[in-house]
Amino acid sequence: MATVKSQALGGLLREWRERRRVTQLELSLEAGVSARHLSFVETGRSKPGREMLLRVLRRLEVPFREQNRLLLAAGHAPAFPERSLEDAELQPVREALDVILHGHEPYPAVVVDRTWNLVAANSPMYALTAAVDIDPALLEPPINVMRVGLHPRGLAPLMINLGDWHAHWLERLERQVAATRNKELAALIEEIAGYPVPEPERDPASGLGGSEILGPVRWHAPGGGELSFFGMFATFDTPFEVTTSELAIELLFPADRATAKLLENLPTDPDDLLALARELGGAQ
């Protein structure tokens, strides 16, 4: 059984190393271990010590959740605790998220977990989506932000440049899967790739650096007109446990004055929001 575990651990470690495009020699030098010992670990002939394994995993930038998994496979205790976001010890994290979400108002913001399930959102985000006729099945917990945003019965029909952003988010998810080996994300990619979308307007094979610059995401405003956003993606720089390390915040900003005006005068009631959007749409 110990040999089987060592072989499984070695295969996982080799897979992470190859994903990061690092040779055994490079990894051994940077992690401070012998290349011979690292080779023996990858082939299952040797069991790594806890500190040695942690150095290697840290150099490979393996996510905390997967580091715990590999430590357990090696017979060691996990290095990083995993708590519910509602845990008392994560109150400072919740407070930090609240500061960011409320401080970003009147602009929309959303917090997601490692598979893009909704964790929290501010009132402008809720107000904007409340004015849209989204399939109730998409809003059953856990609400997946990517699915709601790109599904044909979600927000996708409102997106003017859907083809471009659908392709962009698929590429983003693929990079995330490459970095994390997350099977749920891989399944989400397969689902989203099957959604009906128009061809991208920009040519990914041309332009600066091999692809044209992706402009703001553009939406049909309820009642007419157009909304335009650009975004900022943020994570915790010094996470201390698994849940915190997997949280991310998407901050949206208005890309034009009409969008800014709507957000600055954004009502909380969906009917009032719809009336405001119609007013702005007619004024353009």
Protein backbone atom coordinates (compact mmCIF):
# COMPACT_ATOMS: atom_id res chain seq x y z
CA MET A 1 0.00 0.00 0.00
CA ALA A 2 2.86 2.38 0.84
CA THR A 3 4.43 1.68 -2.57
CA VAL A 4 1.14 2.36 -4.33
CA LYS A 5 0.77 5.67 -2.47
CA SER A 6 4.35 6.64 -3.33
CA GLN A 7 3.77 5.88 -7.00
CA ALA A 8 0.52 7.89 -7.01
CA LEU A 9 2.28 10.80 -5.31
CA GLY A 10 5.18 10.61 -7.74
CA GLY A 11 2.86 10.70 -10.73
CA LEU A 12 0.99 13.71 -9.37
CA LEU A 13 4.23 15.54 -8.60
CA ARG A 14 5.60 14.83 -12.08
CA GLU A 15 2.34 16.06 -13.62
CA TRP A 16 2.56 19.36 -11.72
CA ARG A 17 6.19 19.78 -12.73
CA GLU A 18 5.40 19.18 -16.38
CA ARG A 19 2.45 21.57 -16.22
CA ARG A 20 4.83 24.27 -14.99
CA ARG A 21 7.35 23.38 -17.73
CA VAL A 22 10.16 22.84 -15.21
CA THR A 23 12.84 20.16 -15.55
CA GLN A 24 13.84 17.91 -12.66
CA LEU A 25 17.22 19.64 -12.51
CA GLU A 26 15.70 23.13 -12.43
CA LEU A 27 13.23 22.12 -9.73
CA SER A 28 15.85 20.41 -7.61
CA LEU A 29 18.14 23.44 -7.72
CA GLU A 30 15.39 25.93 -6.91
CA ALA A 31 13.82 23.79 -4.17
CA GLY A 32 17.14 22.83 -2.60
CA VAL A 33 16.88 19.06 -3.07
CA SER A 34 19.00 16.61 -5.02
CA ALA A 35 17.90 15.76 -8.54
CA ARG A 36 18.44 12.07 -7.74
CA HIS A 37 16.08 12.20 -4.75
CA LEU A 38 13.46 14.11 -6.76
CA SER A 39 13.70 11.48 -9.50
CA PHE A 40 13.22 8.70 -6.95
CA VAL A 41 10.16 10.49 -5.54
CA GLU A 42 8.59 10.85 -8.99
CA THR A 43 9.09 7.16 -9.76
CA GLY A 44 7.76 6.05 -6.37
CA ARG A 45 11.11 4.66 -5.17
CA SER A 46 11.44 7.21 -2.39
CA LYS A 47 9.07 8.96 0.01
CA PRO A 48 9.65 12.72 0.42
CA GLY A 49 9.88 14.41 3.80
CA ARG A 50 7.21 16.96 4.64
CA GLU A 51 9.46 20.03 4.47
CA MET A 52 11.09 18.89 1.25
CA LEU A 53 7.70 18.26 -0.36
CA LEU A 54 6.40 21.66 0.76
CA ARG A 55 9.43 23.40 -0.79
CA VAL A 56 8.84 21.62 -4.09
CA LEU A 57 5.10 22.35 -4.10
CA ARG A 58 5.69 25.99 -3.22
CA ARG A 59 8.16 26.33 -6.13
CA LEU A 60 5.60 24.76 -8.48
CA GLU A 61 2.92 27.18 -7.20
CA VAL A 62 0.55 24.31 -6.48
CA PRO A 63 -2.77 25.58 -5.00
CA PHE A 64 -3.24 25.07 -1.25
CA ARG A 65 -6.00 22.49 -1.73
CA GLU A 66 -3.78 20.36 -3.97
CA GLN A 67 -0.79 20.81 -1.66
CA ASN A 68 -2.85 19.29 1.14
CA ARG A 69 -3.85 16.43 -1.14
CA LEU A 70 -0.25 15.61 -2.05
CA LEU A 71 0.87 15.87 1.57
CA LEU A 72 -1.81 13.36 2.56
CA ALA A 73 -0.73 11.07 -0.29
CA ALA A 74 2.79 11.18 1.17
CA GLY A 75 1.47 10.30 4.63
CA HIS A 76 1.93 13.79 6.08
CA ALA A 77 -0.50 16.13 7.79
CA PRO A 78 -2.05 18.90 5.64
CA ALA A 79 -0.27 22.23 5.79
CA PHE A 80 -3.22 24.56 5.25
CA PRO A 81 -6.49 24.62 7.19
CA GLU A 82 -9.78 24.82 5.32
CA ARG A 83 -12.63 26.69 6.98
CA SER A 84 -16.10 27.78 6.00
CA LEU A 85 -16.31 31.45 5.11
CA GLU A 86 -18.82 31.73 7.94
CA ASP A 87 -16.21 30.52 10.46
CA ALA A 88 -15.41 33.01 13.21
CA GLU A 89 -11.71 32.89 12.31
CA LEU A 90 -12.49 34.19 8.83
CA GLN A 91 -14.36 37.25 10.07
CA PRO A 92 -11.46 39.54 9.00
CA VAL A 93 -11.75 38.08 5.48
CA ARG A 94 -15.52 38.69 5.38
CA GLU A 95 -15.00 42.24 6.62
CA ALA A 96 -12.36 42.86 3.95
CA LEU A 97 -14.75 41.61 1.26
CA ASP A 98 -17.53 43.85 2.59
CA VAL A 99 -15.23 46.88 2.52
CA ILE A 100 -14.35 46.21 -1.12
CA LEU A 101 -17.91 45.41 -2.25
CA HIS A 102 -19.51 48.42 -0.57
CA GLY A 103 -16.59 50.72 -1.32
CA HIS A 104 -16.90 49.93 -5.02
CA GLU A 105 -20.51 51.12 -5.19
CA PRO A 106 -22.19 52.46 -7.27
CA TYR A 107 -20.28 50.14 -9.60
CA PRO A 108 -20.99 46.39 -9.69
CA ALA A 109 -18.75 43.86 -7.97
CA VAL A 110 -18.96 40.14 -7.28
CA VAL A 111 -16.99 37.60 -5.20
CA VAL A 112 -16.58 34.05 -6.52
CA ASP A 113 -14.95 30.83 -5.38
CA ARG A 114 -12.52 28.60 -7.27
CA THR A 115 -15.22 27.30 -9.65
CA TRP A 116 -16.88 30.70 -10.19
CA ASN A 117 -19.77 30.04 -7.82
CA LEU A 118 -21.25 33.19 -6.33
CA VAL A 119 -20.04 34.02 -2.82
CA ALA A 120 -21.22 37.62 -2.49
CA ALA A 121 -22.16 40.65 -4.58
CA ASN A 122 -22.93 44.31 -3.96
CA SER A 123 -26.29 45.99 -4.46
CA PRO A 124 -25.51 47.45 -7.95
CA MET A 125 -24.75 43.95 -9.25
CA TYR A 126 -27.98 42.57 -7.82
CA ALA A 127 -29.97 45.57 -9.12
CA LEU A 128 -28.65 45.19 -12.68
CA THR A 129 -29.31 41.46 -12.85
CA ALA A 130 -32.75 41.81 -11.22
CA ALA A 131 -33.90 43.76 -14.27
CA VAL A 132 -33.09 40.78 -16.53
CA ASP A 133 -35.33 37.77 -17.17
CA ILE A 134 -32.96 34.96 -16.17
CA ASP A 135 -34.07 31.32 -16.19
CA PRO A 136 -34.84 30.49 -12.52
CA ALA A 137 -32.95 27.20 -12.88
CA LEU A 138 -29.73 29.19 -13.35
CA LEU A 139 -30.34 30.98 -10.06
CA GLU A 140 -30.61 27.85 -7.94
CA PRO A 141 -27.68 27.55 -5.49
CA PRO A 142 -24.85 27.30 -6.07
CA ILE A 143 -25.18 30.12 -8.61
CA ASN A 144 -22.36 29.90 -11.11
CA VAL A 145 -21.40 33.35 -12.39
CA MET A 146 -19.86 32.05 -15.62
CA ARG A 147 -22.92 29.96 -16.40
CA VAL A 148 -25.37 32.81 -15.71
CA GLY A 149 -23.26 35.23 -17.73
CA LEU A 150 -22.86 33.07 -20.84
CA HIS A 151 -25.94 30.84 -20.89
CA PRO A 152 -28.50 31.59 -23.65
CA ARG A 153 -31.21 31.78 -20.98
CA GLY A 154 -29.02 33.91 -18.75
CA LEU A 155 -27.30 37.20 -19.55
CA ALA A 156 -25.83 36.11 -22.92
CA PRO A 157 -28.67 37.54 -25.09
CA LEU A 158 -27.94 41.00 -23.68
CA MET A 159 -24.24 40.90 -24.59
CA ILE A 160 -23.55 42.78 -27.84
CA ASN A 161 -20.01 41.41 -28.32
CA LEU A 162 -20.86 37.93 -26.98
CA GLY A 163 -18.66 36.06 -29.44
CA ASP A 164 -15.52 37.93 -28.38
CA TRP A 165 -16.16 37.61 -24.65
CA HIS A 166 -17.31 33.99 -24.83
CA ALA A 167 -13.97 33.15 -26.48
CA HIS A 168 -12.08 35.28 -23.95
CA TRP A 169 -13.67 33.64 -20.91
CA LEU A 170 -13.15 30.16 -22.32
CA GLU A 171 -9.44 30.93 -22.72
CA ARG A 172 -9.38 32.28 -19.17
CA LEU A 173 -11.01 29.14 -17.77
CA GLU A 174 -8.61 26.94 -19.73
CA ARG A 175 -5.63 28.78 -18.20
CA GLN A 176 -7.19 28.35 -14.76
CA VAL A 177 -7.63 24.60 -15.31
CA ALA A 178 -4.03 24.35 -16.49
CA ALA A 179 -2.93 26.07 -13.27
CA THR A 180 -5.18 24.18 -10.85
CA ARG A 181 -6.15 20.78 -12.39
CA ASN A 182 -9.71 21.48 -11.23
CA LYS A 183 -12.10 18.88 -12.67
CA GLU A 184 -15.21 20.98 -11.96
CA LEU A 185 -13.76 23.81 -14.03
CA ALA A 186 -12.90 21.39 -16.82
CA ALA A 187 -16.55 20.25 -16.87
CA LEU A 188 -17.70 23.89 -16.86
CA ILE A 189 -15.49 24.61 -19.89
CA GLU A 190 -17.04 21.71 -21.77
CA GLU A 191 -20.53 23.00 -20.95
CA ILE A 192 -19.86 26.62 -21.86
CA ALA A 193 -18.08 25.65 -25.08
CA GLY A 194 -21.35 24.09 -26.22
CA TYR A 195 -23.43 27.24 -25.80
CA PRO A 196 -24.62 28.78 -29.09
CA VAL A 197 -22.70 32.01 -29.70
CA PRO A 198 -21.90 34.19 -32.74
CA GLU A 199 -18.43 34.15 -34.24
CA PRO A 200 -15.96 36.53 -32.52
CA GLU A 201 -15.70 39.90 -34.24
CA ARG A 202 -11.97 40.20 -33.59
CA ASP A 203 -9.50 37.93 -35.32
CA PRO A 204 -7.47 36.02 -32.71
CA ALA A 205 -4.74 35.38 -35.31
CA SER A 206 -4.02 39.04 -36.02
CA GLY A 207 -3.10 42.22 -34.21
CA LEU A 208 -0.50 43.03 -31.55
CA GLY A 209 1.09 39.95 -30.02
CA GLY A 210 -1.01 37.59 -32.14
CA SER A 211 -4.46 38.86 -31.09
CA GLU A 212 -6.43 42.05 -31.28
CA ILE A 213 -7.11 44.00 -28.10
CA LEU A 214 -10.37 42.96 -26.45
CA GLY A 215 -12.56 46.01 -25.87
CA PRO A 216 -15.08 46.58 -23.08
CA VAL A 217 -17.95 44.15 -22.63
CA ARG A 218 -21.06 45.79 -24.12
CA TRP A 219 -24.63 45.10 -23.01
CA HIS A 220 -28.06 45.99 -24.29
CA ALA A 221 -29.60 48.10 -21.53
CA PRO A 222 -33.14 47.15 -20.49
CA GLY A 223 -35.51 49.31 -22.54
CA GLY A 224 -32.84 50.38 -25.04
CA GLY A 225 -29.40 51.94 -25.12
CA GLU A 226 -26.11 50.30 -24.31
CA LEU A 227 -24.00 49.68 -21.23
CA SER A 228 -20.24 49.25 -21.45
CA PHE A 229 -17.88 47.85 -18.79
CA PHE A 230 -14.26 46.95 -18.23
CA GLY A 231 -13.19 44.83 -15.30
CA MET A 232 -10.53 44.25 -12.68
CA PHE A 233 -9.81 40.85 -11.15
CA ALA A 234 -8.37 40.64 -7.62
CA THR A 235 -7.30 37.87 -5.24
CA PHE A 236 -5.81 37.77 -1.75
CA ASP A 237 -2.05 38.26 -1.95
CA THR A 238 -1.27 36.52 1.35
CA PRO A 239 -3.94 33.85 1.94
CA PHE A 240 -3.50 31.78 5.08
CA GLU A 241 -5.95 28.95 4.46
CA VAL A 242 -7.64 27.11 1.59
CA THR A 243 -10.97 28.96 1.33
CA THR A 244 -9.35 32.40 1.34
CA SER A 245 -6.78 31.34 -1.26
CA GLU A 246 -9.59 30.39 -3.66
CA LEU A 247 -11.65 33.59 -3.44
CA ALA A 248 -11.57 36.19 -6.20
CA ILE A 249 -13.26 39.56 -6.71
CA GLU A 250 -14.45 40.87 -10.08
CA LEU A 251 -14.83 44.67 -10.10
CA LEU A 252 -16.69 46.28 -13.00
CA PHE A 253 -16.16 49.91 -14.05
CA PRO A 254 -18.14 52.02 -16.55
CA ALA A 255 -16.38 52.35 -19.89
CA ASP A 256 -18.41 55.40 -20.98
CA ARG A 257 -20.36 58.30 -19.52
CA ALA A 258 -23.82 56.82 -20.26
CA THR A 259 -23.01 53.71 -18.23
CA ALA A 260 -21.54 55.80 -15.42
CA LYS A 261 -24.69 57.94 -15.32
CA LEU A 262 -26.93 54.90 -15.01
CA LEU A 263 -24.80 53.44 -12.23
CA GLU A 264 -24.57 56.71 -10.35
CA ASN A 265 -28.36 56.97 -10.34
CA LEU A 266 -29.01 53.27 -9.93
CA PRO A 267 -32.23 52.49 -8.02
CA THR A 268 -32.50 49.38 -5.89
CA ASP A 269 -36.00 48.55 -7.14
CA PRO A 270 -35.94 46.59 -10.45
CA ASP A 271 -38.95 48.47 -11.86
CA ASP A 272 -37.28 51.80 -11.13
CA LEU A 273 -34.08 50.49 -12.70
CA LEU A 274 -35.94 49.50 -15.86
CA ALA A 275 -37.55 52.96 -16.06
CA LEU A 276 -34.15 54.65 -15.67
CA ALA A 277 -32.58 52.45 -18.34
CA ARG A 278 -35.39 53.30 -20.75
CA GLU A 279 -34.93 56.99 -20.05
CA LEU A 280 -31.19 56.81 -20.69
CA GLY A 281 -31.72 54.68 -23.78
CA GLY A 282 -34.09 57.21 -25.27
CA ALA A 283 -31.67 60.02 -24.56
CA GLN A 284 -28.85 58.48 -26.59
